[in-house]
Amino acid sequence: MKFPDFSYIFRKYLKKIKLFILKPSQKLLAESKLEQKEKFNKLKTKLTDLYLKVKIGDIDHFLTPFWKQKEEQLEKEMIYDTPFSFLRNSDICYTMFVSAGGKWLKSELKYLEKNISQVMLKKLLIEDYIGEPLLMNSKYLTSHNSIHHLYHFVKFLNITGTKLDEIDTIIEWGGGYGNMAKILSRFTYNNNTYIIIDIPLMSCIQWIYLTAILGPENVNLIQNSDEKIINGKINLLPISFLERYTINGDLFISTWAITESSKYSQDYVLKLNWFNCNHILLSYCSKSKIKFPTNLIQNVENDKNFIIENIEFLPNNKYAFQ
């Protein structure tokens, strides 16, 4: 007699038990960073007007059908009445927020603890109240997503031997809600110029998230093509203005975003030689269930200047470092 597999049900309820245990951590985070909710509510009143300013022209040539659909759905859910707990949104969780936990989280955290002191990790990983991210680790008061983002960067530094003082300007293609930029602003401590290239909708989400945390003096949302990239700030460059700018950097980052962008986007980045960046941090899926263009992946995997490494806890996913 063959018995049913109850392992999935067991893991499901184990995760619920763990989240129940972490509820005091969620409360502690809310109490310690309560001012972020007040800041969010003030910024939220400006969000629709900002979005209408930056949502100009046709950007469809930059998007795959998958992301075109997601953009339309997120616009309805996020822009005109943005919930404070927007990081619990199902589309955000599916595309931009890792909450797997388990061996995946343990593997990444073990690597970080091996390379960074626990005192420093607490400063780098502590979450923010805005968005109400799902906490998965009470020791560092953090989410799996923040562990995941820091892991990418530390892995890149170790594999390539890159030093922080070699990086002045960072260009990120597809910045999610701004979490990578936030973490790296804590990690580098030298007022890097950071440029996030993204669809107008996500540029606006990044603006409200990062401004509520870091303050308006540290975040610059490009609202028209006459505005300048400001050195020492996090600059949010909507893709609707991208082709009117000439930008160069030291480090190009894209965690799955550029390989999920259109062929036009991929060719654009390749034509500009990764915005003349000497260092590159890519992660990508080599066998995706969703059909995305593969010309950039083929280019990278045929380029001997890249170090290609399998992501051991994510089958069919790889890093490409330079």
Protein backbone atom coordinates (compact mmCIF):
# COMPACT_ATOMS: atom_id res chain seq x y z
CA MET A 1 0.00 0.00 0.00
CA LYS A 2 1.37 3.41 -0.98
CA PHE A 3 0.91 6.10 1.65
CA PRO A 4 0.32 9.73 0.61
CA ASP A 5 3.20 12.19 0.88
CA PHE A 6 2.47 14.44 3.86
CA SER A 7 5.82 16.26 3.70
CA TYR A 8 4.36 19.26 1.88
CA ILE A 9 1.62 19.67 4.51
CA PHE A 10 4.20 19.30 7.29
CA ARG A 11 6.46 21.97 5.77
CA LYS A 12 3.47 24.29 5.27
CA TYR A 13 2.45 24.12 8.93
CA LEU A 14 6.04 24.27 10.13
CA LYS A 15 6.38 27.58 8.30
CA LYS A 16 3.17 28.86 9.93
CA ILE A 17 4.50 27.91 13.37
CA LYS A 18 7.76 29.73 12.67
CA LEU A 19 5.88 32.87 11.53
CA PHE A 20 3.82 32.76 14.72
CA ILE A 21 7.03 32.62 16.76
CA LEU A 22 8.35 35.62 14.78
CA LYS A 23 5.26 37.78 15.50
CA PRO A 24 6.97 39.54 18.46
CA SER A 25 9.78 40.50 16.06
CA GLN A 26 7.27 42.06 13.66
CA LYS A 27 5.83 44.04 16.55
CA LEU A 28 9.29 45.15 17.71
CA LEU A 29 10.14 46.34 14.21
CA ALA A 30 6.89 48.30 13.97
CA GLU A 31 7.45 49.96 17.34
CA SER A 32 11.10 50.85 16.70
CA LYS A 33 10.45 52.37 13.26
CA LEU A 34 6.93 53.71 13.70
CA GLU A 35 7.87 57.09 12.18
CA GLN A 36 8.16 55.42 8.77
CA LYS A 37 4.38 55.01 8.63
CA GLU A 38 3.84 58.73 9.17
CA LYS A 39 6.42 59.53 6.48
CA PHE A 40 4.80 57.03 4.11
CA ASN A 41 1.36 58.59 4.56
CA LYS A 42 2.72 62.05 3.69
CA LEU A 43 4.66 60.80 0.67
CA LYS A 44 1.71 58.74 -0.53
CA THR A 45 -0.29 61.90 -1.31
CA LYS A 46 2.29 62.82 -3.98
CA LEU A 47 2.66 59.40 -5.56
CA THR A 48 -0.07 59.57 -8.23
CA ASP A 49 1.07 62.97 -9.51
CA LEU A 50 4.68 61.78 -9.68
CA TYR A 51 3.64 58.66 -11.55
CA LEU A 52 1.72 60.66 -14.16
CA LYS A 53 4.83 62.84 -14.67
CA VAL A 54 7.19 59.95 -15.32
CA LYS A 55 4.77 57.70 -17.20
CA ILE A 56 5.31 59.28 -20.60
CA GLY A 57 5.85 57.87 -24.07
CA ASP A 58 5.86 54.26 -25.15
CA ILE A 59 8.07 51.88 -23.17
CA ASP A 60 6.66 48.64 -24.54
CA HIS A 61 9.84 47.95 -26.53
CA PHE A 62 11.65 47.55 -23.20
CA LEU A 63 9.11 45.05 -21.82
CA THR A 64 8.37 41.37 -22.33
CA PRO A 65 4.67 40.34 -22.41
CA PHE A 66 5.06 38.91 -18.89
CA TRP A 67 6.24 42.23 -17.45
CA LYS A 68 3.75 44.23 -19.48
CA GLN A 69 0.98 42.24 -17.80
CA LYS A 70 2.55 42.66 -14.36
CA GLU A 71 2.93 46.41 -14.91
CA GLU A 72 -0.77 46.79 -15.74
CA GLN A 73 -1.81 44.75 -12.71
CA LEU A 74 0.53 46.54 -10.30
CA GLU A 75 -0.62 49.94 -11.52
CA LYS A 76 -4.16 49.10 -10.40
CA GLU A 77 -3.03 47.73 -7.06
CA MET A 78 -0.16 49.99 -6.06
CA ILE A 79 -0.26 53.51 -7.46
CA TYR A 80 -3.60 55.18 -6.84
CA ASP A 81 -4.09 53.89 -3.33
CA THR A 82 -0.77 52.38 -2.21
CA PRO A 83 -1.20 50.18 0.88
CA PHE A 84 1.39 50.58 3.64
CA SER A 85 1.82 46.79 3.63
CA PHE A 86 2.60 46.75 -0.11
CA LEU A 87 5.33 44.13 0.34
CA ARG A 88 2.55 41.63 1.11
CA ASN A 89 1.05 42.20 -2.36
CA SER A 90 0.90 38.85 -4.21
CA ASP A 91 2.55 40.16 -7.41
CA ILE A 92 5.35 41.86 -5.45
CA CYS A 93 5.90 38.68 -3.43
CA TYR A 94 5.97 36.53 -6.55
CA THR A 95 8.39 38.66 -8.56
CA MET A 96 10.47 40.70 -6.09
CA PHE A 97 10.37 39.29 -2.56
CA VAL A 98 11.98 36.00 -1.52
CA SER A 99 10.37 34.36 1.51
CA ALA A 100 11.28 30.71 1.00
CA GLY A 101 13.21 30.23 4.24
CA GLY A 102 14.42 26.71 5.02
CA LYS A 103 17.71 25.39 3.62
CA TRP A 104 17.90 28.22 1.12
CA LEU A 105 17.90 30.89 3.84
CA LYS A 106 20.24 28.87 6.08
CA SER A 107 22.75 28.41 3.27
CA GLU A 108 22.86 32.13 2.44
CA LEU A 109 23.00 33.22 6.08
CA LYS A 110 25.77 30.74 6.89
CA TYR A 111 27.83 32.21 4.05
CA LEU A 112 27.23 35.77 5.26
CA GLU A 113 28.16 34.91 8.86
CA LYS A 114 31.36 33.31 7.60
CA ASN A 115 32.37 36.51 5.81
CA ILE A 116 30.91 39.36 7.90
CA SER A 117 30.83 39.87 11.67
CA GLN A 118 27.47 39.40 13.35
CA VAL A 119 27.65 42.96 14.70
CA MET A 120 27.94 44.29 11.14
CA LEU A 121 25.28 41.92 9.84
CA LYS A 122 22.78 43.30 12.35
CA LYS A 123 23.37 46.79 10.95
CA LEU A 124 23.18 45.65 7.33
CA LEU A 125 20.22 43.28 7.53
CA ILE A 126 17.77 44.92 9.93
CA GLU A 127 14.49 45.41 8.10
CA ASP A 128 12.35 48.52 7.84
CA TYR A 129 8.72 48.86 8.87
CA ILE A 130 7.51 50.37 5.60
CA GLY A 131 5.89 47.74 3.41
CA GLU A 132 5.55 45.38 6.40
CA PRO A 133 8.05 42.85 5.02
CA LEU A 134 7.68 39.28 6.23
CA LEU A 135 10.40 38.64 8.82
CA MET A 136 12.08 35.23 8.66
CA ASN A 137 14.92 35.68 11.16
CA SER A 138 14.55 37.13 14.66
CA LYS A 139 18.29 37.28 15.41
CA TYR A 140 18.89 39.92 12.76
CA LEU A 141 15.28 41.16 12.67
CA THR A 142 15.23 40.62 8.94
CA SER A 143 13.55 39.02 5.96
CA HIS A 144 14.86 36.30 3.70
CA ASN A 145 14.82 38.87 0.91
CA SER A 146 17.38 41.11 2.62
CA ILE A 147 19.60 38.12 3.37
CA HIS A 148 19.25 37.12 -0.28
CA HIS A 149 20.24 40.58 -1.59
CA LEU A 150 23.27 40.94 0.67
CA TYR A 151 24.35 37.41 -0.25
CA HIS A 152 24.49 38.37 -3.96
CA PHE A 153 26.83 41.27 -3.28
CA VAL A 154 29.16 39.50 -0.83
CA LYS A 155 29.38 36.52 -3.19
CA PHE A 156 30.31 38.89 -6.02
CA LEU A 157 33.03 40.58 -3.94
CA ASN A 158 34.54 37.26 -2.87
CA ILE A 159 34.48 35.54 -6.25
CA THR A 160 35.85 38.49 -8.22
CA GLY A 161 38.18 39.91 -5.56
CA THR A 162 36.66 43.35 -6.14
CA LYS A 163 37.36 45.95 -3.45
CA LEU A 164 34.73 48.41 -2.28
CA ASP A 165 36.96 51.38 -3.08
CA GLU A 166 36.88 50.31 -6.76
CA ILE A 167 33.16 51.05 -6.88
CA ASP A 168 31.98 54.64 -7.04
CA THR A 169 28.94 54.46 -9.33
CA ILE A 170 26.51 51.53 -9.31
CA ILE A 171 23.94 51.01 -12.06
CA GLU A 172 21.14 48.56 -11.28
CA TRP A 173 18.79 47.40 -14.02
CA GLY A 174 15.47 46.56 -12.38
CA GLY A 175 15.70 47.53 -8.72
CA GLY A 176 12.55 45.91 -7.37
CA TYR A 177 11.20 48.08 -4.58
CA GLY A 178 14.68 49.47 -3.79
CA ASN A 179 15.94 46.96 -1.24
CA MET A 180 19.31 46.22 -2.87
CA ALA A 181 20.09 49.94 -3.10
CA LYS A 182 19.17 50.41 0.56
CA ILE A 183 21.37 47.55 1.75
CA LEU A 184 24.35 48.62 -0.35
CA SER A 185 24.01 52.18 0.95
CA ARG A 186 24.60 50.69 4.41
CA PHE A 187 27.42 48.46 3.24
CA THR A 188 29.61 50.89 1.31
CA TYR A 189 29.52 53.97 3.57
CA ASN A 190 31.21 56.19 0.97
CA ASN A 191 28.30 58.04 -0.64
CA ASN A 192 28.24 56.01 -3.83
CA THR A 193 26.25 57.29 -6.76
CA TYR A 194 23.52 54.71 -7.33
CA ILE A 195 21.31 54.65 -10.43
CA ILE A 196 18.27 52.36 -10.67
CA ILE A 197 16.82 51.93 -14.15
CA ASP A 198 13.26 50.64 -14.04
CA ILE A 199 9.74 51.00 -15.38
CA PRO A 200 8.05 54.24 -14.20
CA LEU A 201 5.74 52.37 -11.83
CA MET A 202 8.60 50.74 -9.94
CA SER A 203 10.62 53.98 -9.93
CA CYS A 204 7.74 55.52 -7.98
CA ILE A 205 7.53 52.60 -5.55
CA GLN A 206 11.30 52.87 -5.05
CA TRP A 207 10.89 56.60 -4.42
CA ILE A 208 8.32 56.20 -1.62
CA TYR A 209 10.20 53.26 -0.04
CA LEU A 210 13.69 54.78 -0.08
CA THR A 211 12.58 58.32 0.77
CA ALA A 212 10.66 57.14 3.83
CA ILE A 213 13.77 55.28 5.03
CA LEU A 214 16.73 57.40 3.90
CA GLY A 215 15.12 60.84 3.65
CA PRO A 216 14.44 63.03 0.57
CA GLU A 217 17.96 64.45 0.69
CA ASN A 218 19.37 61.06 -0.35
CA VAL A 219 16.93 60.08 -3.11
CA ASN A 220 16.55 61.70 -6.54
CA LEU A 221 13.63 60.70 -8.76
CA ILE A 222 14.21 61.86 -12.34
CA GLN A 223 10.92 63.50 -13.39
CA ASN A 224 11.95 64.86 -16.78
CA SER A 225 14.90 64.53 -19.12
CA ASP A 226 16.30 67.95 -18.14
CA GLU A 227 17.10 66.77 -14.60
CA LYS A 228 20.59 65.58 -13.79
CA ILE A 229 21.92 62.45 -12.13
CA ILE A 230 23.17 63.67 -8.74
CA ASN A 231 26.43 62.28 -7.42
CA GLY A 232 26.30 60.68 -3.98
CA LYS A 233 22.55 59.98 -4.13
CA ILE A 234 20.29 57.11 -5.12
CA ASN A 235 18.97 58.22 -8.51
CA LEU A 236 15.77 56.65 -9.82
CA LEU A 237 15.79 56.76 -13.61
CA PRO A 238 12.47 55.70 -15.19
CA ILE A 239 13.06 53.79 -18.39
CA SER A 240 10.87 56.32 -20.21
CA PHE A 241 13.81 58.78 -19.98
CA LEU A 242 16.70 56.31 -20.29
CA GLU A 243 17.61 56.89 -23.93
CA ARG A 244 18.01 60.63 -23.35
CA TYR A 245 20.82 60.05 -20.85
CA THR A 246 24.43 59.02 -21.17
CA ILE A 247 25.42 57.20 -18.01
CA ASN A 248 28.55 55.31 -17.03
CA GLY A 249 29.31 53.26 -13.96
CA ASP A 250 31.76 51.03 -12.17
CA LEU A 251 29.41 48.18 -11.25
CA PHE A 252 26.39 46.94 -13.22
CA ILE A 253 23.89 44.89 -11.19
CA SER A 254 20.88 42.99 -12.42
CA THR A 255 19.41 40.11 -10.45
CA TRP A 256 17.19 38.36 -13.01
CA ALA A 257 15.76 41.67 -14.34
CA ILE A 258 17.78 42.25 -17.54
CA THR A 259 17.36 38.63 -18.67
CA GLU A 260 13.60 39.02 -18.14
CA SER A 261 13.56 42.21 -20.20
CA SER A 262 12.93 42.46 -23.93
CA LYS A 263 15.44 41.68 -26.67
CA TYR A 264 15.58 45.44 -27.32
CA SER A 265 16.61 46.06 -23.68
CA GLN A 266 19.25 43.34 -23.75
CA ASP A 267 20.71 44.58 -27.04
CA TYR A 268 20.67 48.13 -25.69
CA VAL A 269 22.75 47.17 -22.64
CA LEU A 270 25.17 45.11 -24.72
CA LYS A 271 25.55 47.92 -27.27
CA LEU A 272 26.51 50.31 -24.47
CA ASN A 273 28.95 47.74 -23.08
CA TRP A 274 27.11 47.44 -19.76
CA PHE A 275 27.24 51.26 -19.40
CA ASN A 276 31.04 50.94 -19.48
CA CYS A 277 31.09 49.21 -16.11
CA ASN A 278 34.27 47.28 -15.30
CA HIS A 279 32.42 45.05 -12.82
CA ILE A 280 29.20 43.11 -13.40
CA LEU A 281 26.92 41.18 -11.04
CA LEU A 282 24.26 39.15 -12.84
CA SER A 283 21.95 36.39 -11.76
CA TYR A 284 19.68 34.64 -14.23
CA CYS A 285 17.62 31.56 -14.93
CA SER A 286 19.11 29.36 -17.62
CA LYS A 287 15.92 27.30 -18.08
CA SER A 288 12.87 29.43 -17.35
CA LYS A 289 9.29 28.17 -17.60
CA ILE A 290 8.41 31.61 -18.97
CA LYS A 291 9.79 32.36 -22.42
CA PHE A 292 12.24 35.26 -22.20
CA PRO A 293 14.82 36.38 -24.80
CA THR A 294 18.13 34.56 -24.39
CA ASN A 295 20.53 36.63 -26.52
CA LEU A 296 22.14 38.30 -23.51
CA ILE A 297 22.58 34.98 -21.69
CA GLN A 298 24.21 33.46 -24.75
CA ASN A 299 26.51 36.48 -25.04
CA VAL A 300 27.52 36.26 -21.38
CA GLU A 301 28.10 32.50 -21.37
CA ASN A 302 30.29 32.79 -24.49
CA ASP A 303 32.33 35.63 -22.99
CA LYS A 304 35.47 34.31 -21.27
CA ASN A 305 35.68 37.47 -19.16
CA PHE A 306 32.70 36.28 -17.11
CA ILE A 307 32.90 33.88 -14.17
CA ILE A 308 29.83 31.63 -14.38
CA GLU A 309 28.73 29.86 -11.21
CA ASN A 310 25.69 27.70 -10.46
CA ILE A 311 23.46 28.87 -7.61
CA GLU A 312 23.47 25.65 -5.60
CA PHE A 313 20.13 26.11 -3.85
CA LEU A 314 18.33 27.34 -7.01
CA PRO A 315 18.41 24.70 -9.77
CA ASN A 316 18.84 26.11 -13.30
CA ASN A 317 19.89 29.50 -11.92
CA LYS A 318 23.37 30.99 -12.27
CA TYR A 319 25.58 33.93 -11.40
CA ALA A 320 27.71 35.70 -13.97
CA PHE A 321 30.43 37.88 -12.39
CA GLN A 322 33.03 40.14 -13.90
